[in-house]
């Protein structure tokens, strides 16, 4: 599969510019002025403040080594694992994962957006947004109504509750915002392919932002927060010299809009 890869200096320059754009955007400015709007009774599709539908491809703008390749056991840079998390990561055995039918442990909701992949985003119905991935052939459903079913068995993608965060739309400010998604009820999975764990108790919170880039490209920026007291916490150094990391884990993944699905290539989960 061919995925977009940007040089490190290009990635840094773009993200710095994007931060400036976002800080001056209607979404940010309106957020500073007041609290959330009252609940909107309309279906989620009708409420949409951005259009996330279509085909998207991963842009590997950071952590190339740990996203495109499977790192060796015990390598978990910038992941704030606590002592128990490090102990579990050090026991990673890919052959055991295959034997136990757990080849998709790195493709669960806690990490799927970090896997180099293509996304196909559609509306399943007026209250359910669907994301299919070609890598691992996973399906995520974002529910704008209802709540996680009590007593349901965990799955790789869990149960995702979604809501639009609306900004603008008045006083001459264009209407915009983000999609917020909170996922629970997942199988225990991996934050990196080399066995870095998150537990069934983890909560994954994501913010989806669509950015139209000068020059014609459209990006989908996914900010992900993984909160897992079982395996994430304080780790002096965070796997990198001279740094201290404290959980939860916060990561950002970028996707570029594609004109069609001609490069869509579904493949099963891979352990390594």
C-alpha atoms as a PDB file:
ATOM      1  CA  UNK A   1       0.000   0.000   0.000  1.00  0.00           C
ATOM      2  CA  UNK A   2       1.142   3.538  -0.740  1.00  0.00           C
ATOM      3  CA  UNK A   3       0.569   6.065   1.996  1.00  0.00           C
ATOM      4  CA  UNK A   4       1.532   9.716   2.122  1.00  0.00           C
ATOM      5  CA  UNK A   5       4.867  10.333   3.817  1.00  0.00           C
ATOM      6  CA  UNK A   6       6.090  13.855   4.510  1.00  0.00           C
ATOM      7  CA  UNK A   7       9.691  14.769   5.366  1.00  0.00           C
ATOM      8  CA  UNK A   8      10.173  15.609   9.043  1.00  0.00           C
ATOM      9  CA  UNK A   9      10.848  19.315   8.356  1.00  0.00           C
ATOM     10  CA  UNK A  10       7.767  19.571   6.100  1.00  0.00           C
ATOM     11  CA  UNK A  11       5.607  17.954   8.783  1.00  0.00           C
ATOM     12  CA  UNK A  12       6.851  20.334  11.466  1.00  0.00           C
ATOM     13  CA  UNK A  13       6.343  23.423   9.309  1.00  0.00           C
ATOM     14  CA  UNK A  14       2.857  22.346   8.313  1.00  0.00           C
ATOM     15  CA  UNK A  15       1.752  21.509  11.840  1.00  0.00           C
ATOM     16  CA  UNK A  16       3.132  24.791  13.166  1.00  0.00           C
ATOM     17  CA  UNK A  17       1.202  26.693  10.499  1.00  0.00           C
ATOM     18  CA  UNK A  18      -1.911  24.649  11.172  1.00  0.00           C
ATOM     19  CA  UNK A  19      -1.722  25.454  14.884  1.00  0.00           C
ATOM     20  CA  UNK A  20      -1.711  29.151  14.031  1.00  0.00           C
ATOM     21  CA  UNK A  21      -4.686  28.683  11.693  1.00  0.00           C
ATOM     22  CA  UNK A  22      -6.669  26.791  14.309  1.00  0.00           C
ATOM     23  CA  UNK A  23      -5.927  29.284  17.065  1.00  0.00           C
ATOM     24  CA  UNK A  24      -7.356  31.995  14.850  1.00  0.00           C
ATOM     25  CA  UNK A  25     -10.253  29.956  13.546  1.00  0.00           C
ATOM     26  CA  UNK A  26     -13.929  30.616  14.277  1.00  0.00           C
ATOM     27  CA  UNK A  27     -14.073  27.326  16.201  1.00  0.00           C
ATOM     28  CA  UNK A  28     -11.362  28.401  18.648  1.00  0.00           C
ATOM     29  CA  UNK A  29     -12.558  32.008  18.998  1.00  0.00           C
ATOM     30  CA  UNK A  30     -16.166  31.066  19.630  1.00  0.00           C
ATOM     31  CA  UNK A  31     -15.108  28.373  22.102  1.00  0.00           C
ATOM     32  CA  UNK A  32     -13.435  31.094  24.141  1.00  0.00           C
ATOM     33  CA  UNK A  33     -16.640  33.147  24.342  1.00  0.00           C
ATOM     34  CA  UNK A  34     -19.130  30.777  25.859  1.00  0.00           C
ATOM     35  CA  UNK A  35     -20.231  27.283  26.790  1.00  0.00           C
ATOM     36  CA  UNK A  36     -21.748  24.542  24.645  1.00  0.00           C
ATOM     37  CA  UNK A  37     -24.994  25.047  22.760  1.00  0.00           C
ATOM     38  CA  UNK A  38     -28.200  23.374  24.006  1.00  0.00           C
ATOM     39  CA  UNK A  39     -28.902  19.821  22.716  1.00  0.00           C
ATOM     40  CA  UNK A  40     -30.054  19.631  19.108  1.00  0.00           C
ATOM     41  CA  UNK A  41     -32.934  17.152  18.580  1.00  0.00           C
ATOM     42  CA  UNK A  42     -32.182  16.621  14.879  1.00  0.00           C
ATOM     43  CA  UNK A  43     -30.480  13.437  13.588  1.00  0.00           C
ATOM     44  CA  UNK A  44     -26.696  13.442  13.638  1.00  0.00           C
ATOM     45  CA  UNK A  45     -26.388  13.576   9.853  1.00  0.00           C
ATOM     46  CA  UNK A  46     -28.557  16.673   9.671  1.00  0.00           C
ATOM     47  CA  UNK A  47     -26.579  18.374  12.451  1.00  0.00           C
ATOM     48  CA  UNK A  48     -23.189  17.810  10.778  1.00  0.00           C
ATOM     49  CA  UNK A  49     -20.813  20.789  11.028  1.00  0.00           C
ATOM     50  CA  UNK A  50     -18.122  19.167   8.847  1.00  0.00           C
ATOM     51  CA  UNK A  51     -18.326  16.606   6.067  1.00  0.00           C
ATOM     52  CA  UNK A  52     -16.032  13.676   6.948  1.00  0.00           C
ATOM     53  CA  UNK A  53     -17.381  11.353   4.232  1.00  0.00           C
ATOM     54  CA  UNK A  54     -15.338   9.966   1.377  1.00  0.00           C
ATOM     55  CA  UNK A  55     -11.993   8.214   0.987  1.00  0.00           C
ATOM     56  CA  UNK A  56      -8.964   9.281   3.034  1.00  0.00           C
ATOM     57  CA  UNK A  57      -5.355   8.085   3.168  1.00  0.00           C
ATOM     58  CA  UNK A  58      -2.958   8.203   6.127  1.00  0.00           C
ATOM     59  CA  UNK A  59      -0.261  10.860   6.046  1.00  0.00           C
ATOM     60  CA  UNK A  60       2.684   9.609   8.091  1.00  0.00           C
ATOM     61  CA  UNK A  61       3.811  12.975   9.440  1.00  0.00           C
ATOM     62  CA  UNK A  62       5.329  11.697  12.689  1.00  0.00           C
ATOM     63  CA  UNK A  63       6.607   8.501  14.337  1.00  0.00           C
ATOM     64  CA  UNK A  64       7.380   6.922  10.927  1.00  0.00           C
ATOM     65  CA  UNK A  65       9.597   4.242  12.455  1.00  0.00           C
ATOM     66  CA  UNK A  66       6.937   2.984  14.873  1.00  0.00           C
ATOM     67  CA  UNK A  67       3.994   3.267  12.477  1.00  0.00           C
ATOM     68  CA  UNK A  68       5.444   1.883   9.242  1.00  0.00           C
ATOM     69  CA  UNK A  69       7.583  -0.788  10.903  1.00  0.00           C
ATOM     70  CA  UNK A  70       7.095  -3.102  13.878  1.00  0.00           C
ATOM     71  CA  UNK A  71       9.515  -2.047  16.595  1.00  0.00           C
ATOM     72  CA  UNK A  72      11.449  -4.548  18.655  1.00  0.00           C
ATOM     73  CA  UNK A  73      10.046  -5.775  21.954  1.00  0.00           C
ATOM     74  CA  UNK A  74      10.523  -3.248  24.755  1.00  0.00           C
ATOM     75  CA  UNK A  75      10.614  -0.179  22.492  1.00  0.00           C
ATOM     76  CA  UNK A  76       7.836   2.261  23.401  1.00  0.00           C
ATOM     77  CA  UNK A  77       9.081   5.855  22.957  1.00  0.00           C
ATOM     78  CA  UNK A  78       6.854   8.634  24.295  1.00  0.00           C
ATOM     79  CA  UNK A  79       4.218   6.148  25.530  1.00  0.00           C
ATOM     80  CA  UNK A  80       3.544   6.917  29.215  1.00  0.00           C
ATOM     81  CA  UNK A  81       3.391   3.310  30.430  1.00  0.00           C
ATOM     82  CA  UNK A  82       3.307   2.657  34.140  1.00  0.00           C
ATOM     83  CA  UNK A  83       5.205  -0.240  35.718  1.00  0.00           C
ATOM     84  CA  UNK A  84       2.467  -2.772  34.950  1.00  0.00           C
ATOM     85  CA  UNK A  85       2.208  -1.553  31.360  1.00  0.00           C
ATOM     86  CA  UNK A  86       5.937  -1.993  30.853  1.00  0.00           C
ATOM     87  CA  UNK A  87       5.798  -5.478  32.359  1.00  0.00           C
ATOM     88  CA  UNK A  88       3.026  -6.508  29.938  1.00  0.00           C
ATOM     89  CA  UNK A  89       4.794  -4.910  26.949  1.00  0.00           C
ATOM     90  CA  UNK A  90       7.954  -6.856  27.745  1.00  0.00           C
ATOM     91  CA  UNK A  91       5.991 -10.127  27.495  1.00  0.00           C
ATOM     92  CA  UNK A  92       4.836  -9.545  23.908  1.00  0.00           C
ATOM     93  CA  UNK A  93       4.775 -12.745  21.872  1.00  0.00           C
ATOM     94  CA  UNK A  94       3.492 -12.360  18.283  1.00  0.00           C
ATOM     95  CA  UNK A  95       3.298 -16.123  17.766  1.00  0.00           C
ATOM     96  CA  UNK A  96       0.997 -16.393  20.774  1.00  0.00           C
ATOM     97  CA  UNK A  97      -1.228 -13.621  19.386  1.00  0.00           C
ATOM     98  CA  UNK A  98      -1.616 -15.547  16.140  1.00  0.00           C
ATOM     99  CA  UNK A  99      -2.292 -18.841  17.935  1.00  0.00           C
ATOM    100  CA  UNK A 100      -4.950 -17.203  20.132  1.00  0.00           C
ATOM    101  CA  UNK A 101      -6.704 -15.470  17.228  1.00  0.00           C
ATOM    102  CA  UNK A 102      -5.580 -12.014  18.355  1.00  0.00           C
ATOM    103  CA  UNK A 103      -3.896 -10.774  15.183  1.00  0.00           C
ATOM    104  CA  UNK A 104      -6.030  -7.614  15.330  1.00  0.00           C
ATOM    105  CA  UNK A 105      -4.854  -6.407  18.763  1.00  0.00           C
ATOM    106  CA  UNK A 106      -3.105  -3.384  17.204  1.00  0.00           C
ATOM    107  CA  UNK A 107      -6.175  -2.583  15.072  1.00  0.00           C
ATOM    108  CA  UNK A 108      -8.631  -1.798  17.874  1.00  0.00           C
ATOM    109  CA  UNK A 109     -10.140   1.633  18.483  1.00  0.00           C
ATOM    110  CA  UNK A 110      -7.206   2.653  20.671  1.00  0.00           C
ATOM    111  CA  UNK A 111      -4.727   2.463  17.788  1.00  0.00           C
ATOM    112  CA  UNK A 112      -6.491   1.975  14.442  1.00  0.00           C
ATOM    113  CA  UNK A 113      -6.071   5.628  13.433  1.00  0.00           C
ATOM    114  CA  UNK A 114      -2.279   5.249  13.852  1.00  0.00           C
ATOM    115  CA  UNK A 115      -2.110   2.237  11.525  1.00  0.00           C
ATOM    116  CA  UNK A 116      -1.155   3.284   7.969  1.00  0.00           C
ATOM    117  CA  UNK A 117      -4.483   2.790   6.214  1.00  0.00           C
ATOM    118  CA  UNK A 118      -7.157   4.169   4.019  1.00  0.00           C
ATOM    119  CA  UNK A 119     -10.531   5.158   5.443  1.00  0.00           C
ATOM    120  CA  UNK A 120     -13.912   5.025   3.768  1.00  0.00           C
ATOM    121  CA  UNK A 121     -16.347   7.213   5.690  1.00  0.00           C
ATOM    122  CA  UNK A 122     -20.092   6.924   4.994  1.00  0.00           C
ATOM    123  CA  UNK A 123     -23.405   7.331   6.791  1.00  0.00           C
ATOM    124  CA  UNK A 124     -24.810   3.954   7.894  1.00  0.00           C
ATOM    125  CA  UNK A 125     -28.060   5.724   8.738  1.00  0.00           C
ATOM    126  CA  UNK A 126     -29.019   9.238   9.783  1.00  0.00           C
ATOM    127  CA  UNK A 127     -27.669   8.714  13.319  1.00  0.00           C
ATOM    128  CA  UNK A 128     -24.685   6.435  12.642  1.00  0.00           C
ATOM    129  CA  UNK A 129     -21.441   7.432  10.934  1.00  0.00           C
ATOM    130  CA  UNK A 130     -19.436   4.474   9.602  1.00  0.00           C
ATOM    131  CA  UNK A 131     -15.661   4.272   9.112  1.00  0.00           C
ATOM    132  CA  UNK A 132     -14.171   1.291   7.277  1.00  0.00           C
ATOM    133  CA  UNK A 133     -10.410   0.718   7.130  1.00  0.00           C
ATOM    134  CA  UNK A 134      -8.648  -1.176   4.375  1.00  0.00           C
ATOM    135  CA  UNK A 135      -5.824  -2.136   6.765  1.00  0.00           C
ATOM    136  CA  UNK A 136      -7.221  -4.859   8.988  1.00  0.00           C
ATOM    137  CA  UNK A 137     -10.690  -4.493   7.429  1.00  0.00           C
ATOM    138  CA  UNK A 138     -12.132  -2.922  10.555  1.00  0.00           C
ATOM    139  CA  UNK A 139     -15.497  -1.143  10.857  1.00  0.00           C
ATOM    140  CA  UNK A 140     -16.169   1.638  13.343  1.00  0.00           C
ATOM    141  CA  UNK A 141     -19.695   2.910  14.027  1.00  0.00           C
ATOM    142  CA  UNK A 142     -20.173   6.342  15.605  1.00  0.00           C
ATOM    143  CA  UNK A 143     -23.573   6.570  17.301  1.00  0.00           C
ATOM    144  CA  UNK A 144     -25.242   9.968  17.655  1.00  0.00           C
ATOM    145  CA  UNK A 145     -28.122   8.503  19.664  1.00  0.00           C
ATOM    146  CA  UNK A 146     -28.310   6.000  22.466  1.00  0.00           C
ATOM    147  CA  UNK A 147     -25.644   4.910  24.904  1.00  0.00           C
ATOM    148  CA  UNK A 148     -23.370   1.884  25.366  1.00  0.00           C
ATOM    149  CA  UNK A 149     -25.471  -1.246  25.965  1.00  0.00           C
ATOM    150  CA  UNK A 150     -25.229  -2.611  29.492  1.00  0.00           C
ATOM    151  CA  UNK A 151     -23.457  -5.946  29.725  1.00  0.00           C
ATOM    152  CA  UNK A 152     -22.382  -6.067  26.083  1.00  0.00           C
ATOM    153  CA  UNK A 153     -19.359  -8.159  25.202  1.00  0.00           C
ATOM    154  CA  UNK A 154     -16.256  -6.116  24.302  1.00  0.00           C
ATOM    155  CA  UNK A 155     -15.210  -5.844  20.656  1.00  0.00           C
ATOM    156  CA  UNK A 156     -12.116  -4.500  18.899  1.00  0.00           C
ATOM    157  CA  UNK A 157     -13.864  -1.234  18.081  1.00  0.00           C
ATOM    158  CA  UNK A 158     -16.057  -1.011  21.192  1.00  0.00           C
ATOM    159  CA  UNK A 159     -19.016   1.340  21.380  1.00  0.00           C
ATOM    160  CA  UNK A 160     -18.497   4.898  20.137  1.00  0.00           C
ATOM    161  CA  UNK A 161     -20.776   7.744  21.228  1.00  0.00           C
ATOM    162  CA  UNK A 162     -20.524  10.780  18.943  1.00  0.00           C
ATOM    163  CA  UNK A 163     -21.569  14.405  19.079  1.00  0.00           C
ATOM    164  CA  UNK A 164     -20.926  17.521  17.045  1.00  0.00           C
ATOM    165  CA  UNK A 165     -19.155  20.421  18.686  1.00  0.00           C
ATOM    166  CA  UNK A 166     -20.605  23.476  16.979  1.00  0.00           C
ATOM    167  CA  UNK A 167     -18.972  26.877  16.694  1.00  0.00           C
ATOM    168  CA  UNK A 168     -19.811  30.010  14.737  1.00  0.00           C
ATOM    169  CA  UNK A 169     -22.908  30.460  12.621  1.00  0.00           C
ATOM    170  CA  UNK A 170     -23.724  33.924  13.923  1.00  0.00           C
ATOM    171  CA  UNK A 171     -22.370  37.472  14.047  1.00  0.00           C
ATOM    172  CA  UNK A 172     -20.772  36.958  10.651  1.00  0.00           C
ATOM    173  CA  UNK A 173     -18.672  33.973  11.794  1.00  0.00           C
ATOM    174  CA  UNK A 174     -18.972  30.904   9.516  1.00  0.00           C
ATOM    175  CA  UNK A 175     -20.525  27.818  11.063  1.00  0.00           C
ATOM    176  CA  UNK A 176     -17.948  25.131  11.864  1.00  0.00           C
ATOM    177  CA  UNK A 177     -16.740  22.800  14.577  1.00  0.00           C
ATOM    178  CA  UNK A 178     -15.505  19.290  15.236  1.00  0.00           C
ATOM    179  CA  UNK A 179     -16.738  15.752  15.741  1.00  0.00           C
ATOM    180  CA  UNK A 180     -16.144  14.373  19.237  1.00  0.00           C
ATOM    181  CA  UNK A 181     -16.207  10.592  19.748  1.00  0.00           C
ATOM    182  CA  UNK A 182     -15.879   8.674  23.037  1.00  0.00           C
ATOM    183  CA  UNK A 183     -15.255   4.918  22.801  1.00  0.00           C
ATOM    184  CA  UNK A 184     -15.559   2.304  25.567  1.00  0.00           C
ATOM    185  CA  UNK A 185     -16.263  -1.427  25.690  1.00  0.00           C
ATOM    186  CA  UNK A 186     -13.160  -2.493  23.762  1.00  0.00           C
ATOM    187  CA  UNK A 187     -11.106  -5.660  23.839  1.00  0.00           C
ATOM    188  CA  UNK A 188      -7.679  -5.126  25.360  1.00  0.00           C
ATOM    189  CA  UNK A 189      -5.382  -4.077  22.540  1.00  0.00           C
ATOM    190  CA  UNK A 190      -2.048  -2.571  21.546  1.00  0.00           C
ATOM    191  CA  UNK A 191      -0.978   1.080  21.285  1.00  0.00           C
ATOM    192  CA  UNK A 192       1.956  -0.054  19.124  1.00  0.00           C
ATOM    193  CA  UNK A 193       2.257  -3.228  17.072  1.00  0.00           C
ATOM    194  CA  UNK A 194       4.985  -4.552  19.378  1.00  0.00           C
ATOM    195  CA  UNK A 195       2.666  -5.338  22.263  1.00  0.00           C
ATOM    196  CA  UNK A 196       2.401  -1.966  24.084  1.00  0.00           C
ATOM    197  CA  UNK A 197      -0.934  -2.525  25.865  1.00  0.00           C
ATOM    198  CA  UNK A 198      -4.175  -0.796  26.625  1.00  0.00           C
ATOM    199  CA  UNK A 199      -6.804  -2.570  28.718  1.00  0.00           C
ATOM    200  CA  UNK A 200     -10.532  -3.278  28.418  1.00  0.00           C
ATOM    201  CA  UNK A 201     -11.047  -0.408  30.860  1.00  0.00           C
ATOM    202  CA  UNK A 202      -9.493   2.163  28.531  1.00  0.00           C
ATOM    203  CA  UNK A 203     -11.502   5.159  27.328  1.00  0.00           C
ATOM    204  CA  UNK A 204     -10.632   6.617  23.929  1.00  0.00           C
ATOM    205  CA  UNK A 205     -11.686  10.201  23.193  1.00  0.00           C
ATOM    206  CA  UNK A 206     -11.209  11.538  19.664  1.00  0.00           C
ATOM    207  CA  UNK A 207     -11.702  14.885  17.968  1.00  0.00           C
ATOM    208  CA  UNK A 208     -12.086  14.939  14.168  1.00  0.00           C
ATOM    209  CA  UNK A 209     -11.349  18.230  12.407  1.00  0.00           C
ATOM    210  CA  UNK A 210     -11.549  18.848   8.661  1.00  0.00           C
ATOM    211  CA  UNK A 211      -9.039  21.361   7.306  1.00  0.00           C
ATOM    212  CA  UNK A 212      -9.026  22.753   3.773  1.00  0.00           C
ATOM    213  CA  UNK A 213      -5.375  23.428   3.008  1.00  0.00           C
ATOM    214  CA  UNK A 214      -4.190  26.203   0.672  1.00  0.00           C
ATOM    215  CA  UNK A 215      -3.341  24.580  -2.631  1.00  0.00           C
ATOM    216  CA  UNK A 216      -6.394  22.342  -2.767  1.00  0.00           C
ATOM    217  CA  UNK A 217      -5.751  19.466  -0.343  1.00  0.00           C
ATOM    218  CA  UNK A 218      -8.252  18.549   2.344  1.00  0.00           C
ATOM    219  CA  UNK A 219      -7.035  16.973   5.577  1.00  0.00           C
ATOM    220  CA  UNK A 220      -8.846  15.102   8.322  1.00  0.00           C
ATOM    221  CA  UNK A 221      -6.997  15.676  11.600  1.00  0.00           C
ATOM    222  CA  UNK A 222      -7.767  13.142  14.338  1.00  0.00           C
ATOM    223  CA  UNK A 223      -6.642  14.009  17.869  1.00  0.00           C
ATOM    224  CA  UNK A 224      -6.792  10.950  20.126  1.00  0.00           C
ATOM    225  CA  UNK A 225      -6.657  10.712  23.929  1.00  0.00           C
ATOM    226  CA  UNK A 226      -6.279   7.252  25.468  1.00  0.00           C
ATOM    227  CA  UNK A 227      -7.019   7.172  29.198  1.00  0.00           C
ATOM    228  CA  UNK A 228      -6.160   3.847  30.849  1.00  0.00           C
ATOM    229  CA  UNK A 229      -5.270   3.818  34.565  1.00  0.00           C
ATOM    230  CA  UNK A 230      -4.389   0.121  34.326  1.00  0.00           C
ATOM    231  CA  UNK A 231      -1.408   0.555  31.998  1.00  0.00           C
ATOM    232  CA  UNK A 232      -0.824   4.287  31.499  1.00  0.00           C
ATOM    233  CA  UNK A 233       0.538   6.692  34.065  1.00  0.00           C
ATOM    234  CA  UNK A 234       3.779   8.384  34.967  1.00  0.00           C
ATOM    235  CA  UNK A 235       6.947   7.142  33.323  1.00  0.00           C
ATOM    236  CA  UNK A 236      10.140   9.120  33.934  1.00  0.00           C
ATOM    237  CA  UNK A 237      11.719   9.779  30.573  1.00  0.00           C
ATOM    238  CA  UNK A 238       8.713   8.382  28.693  1.00  0.00           C
ATOM    239  CA  UNK A 239      11.105   6.179  26.723  1.00  0.00           C
ATOM    240  CA  UNK A 240      13.015   9.225  25.489  1.00  0.00           C
ATOM    241  CA  UNK A 241      16.049  10.833  27.183  1.00  0.00           C
ATOM    242  CA  UNK A 242      15.389  14.149  28.845  1.00  0.00           C
ATOM    243  CA  UNK A 243      11.591  13.975  28.922  1.00  0.00           C
ATOM    244  CA  UNK A 244       8.911  13.094  31.441  1.00  0.00           C
ATOM    245  CA  UNK A 245       5.547  11.806  30.260  1.00  0.00           C
ATOM    246  CA  UNK A 246       2.394  11.450  32.334  1.00  0.00           C
ATOM    247  CA  UNK A 247      -0.742   9.672  31.096  1.00  0.00           C
ATOM    248  CA  UNK A 248      -3.109   9.792  29.380  1.00  0.00           C
ATOM    249  CA  UNK A 249      -1.612   9.226  25.952  1.00  0.00           C
ATOM    250  CA  UNK A 250      -2.306  12.026  23.444  1.00  0.00           C
ATOM    251  CA  UNK A 251      -1.584  11.597  19.731  1.00  0.00           C
ATOM    252  CA  UNK A 252      -2.603  13.263  16.466  1.00  0.00           C
ATOM    253  CA  UNK A 253      -3.053  11.426  13.158  1.00  0.00           C
ATOM    254  CA  UNK A 254      -3.586  13.030   9.754  1.00  0.00           C
ATOM    255  CA  UNK A 255      -5.416  11.882   6.635  1.00  0.00           C
ATOM    256  CA  UNK A 256      -5.673  13.406   3.160  1.00  0.00           C
ATOM    257  CA  UNK A 257      -8.845  13.309   1.064  1.00  0.00           C
ATOM    258  CA  UNK A 258      -8.677  11.141  -2.048  1.00  0.00           C
ATOM    259  CA  UNK A 259     -10.866  11.684  -5.117  1.00  0.00           C
ATOM    260  CA  UNK A 260     -12.257   8.143  -5.161  1.00  0.00           C
ATOM    261  CA  UNK A 261     -11.773   4.575  -3.968  1.00  0.00           C
ATOM    262  CA  UNK A 262      -9.508   3.423  -6.801  1.00  0.00           C
ATOM    263  CA  UNK A 263      -6.644   2.738  -4.353  1.00  0.00           C
ATOM    264  CA  UNK A 264      -8.826   0.964  -1.779  1.00  0.00           C
ATOM    265  CA  UNK A 265      -7.130  -2.355  -0.963  1.00  0.00           C
ATOM    266  CA  UNK A 266      -8.595  -4.324   1.987  1.00  0.00           C
ATOM    267  CA  UNK A 267      -6.064  -6.536   3.759  1.00  0.00           C
ATOM    268  CA  UNK A 268      -6.378  -8.620   6.959  1.00  0.00           C
ATOM    269  CA  UNK A 269      -4.751  -7.739  10.280  1.00  0.00           C
ATOM    270  CA  UNK A 270      -1.008  -8.359  10.453  1.00  0.00           C
ATOM    271  CA  UNK A 271       0.853  -9.199  13.648  1.00  0.00           C
ATOM    272  CA  UNK A 272       4.230  -7.891  12.394  1.00  0.00           C
END
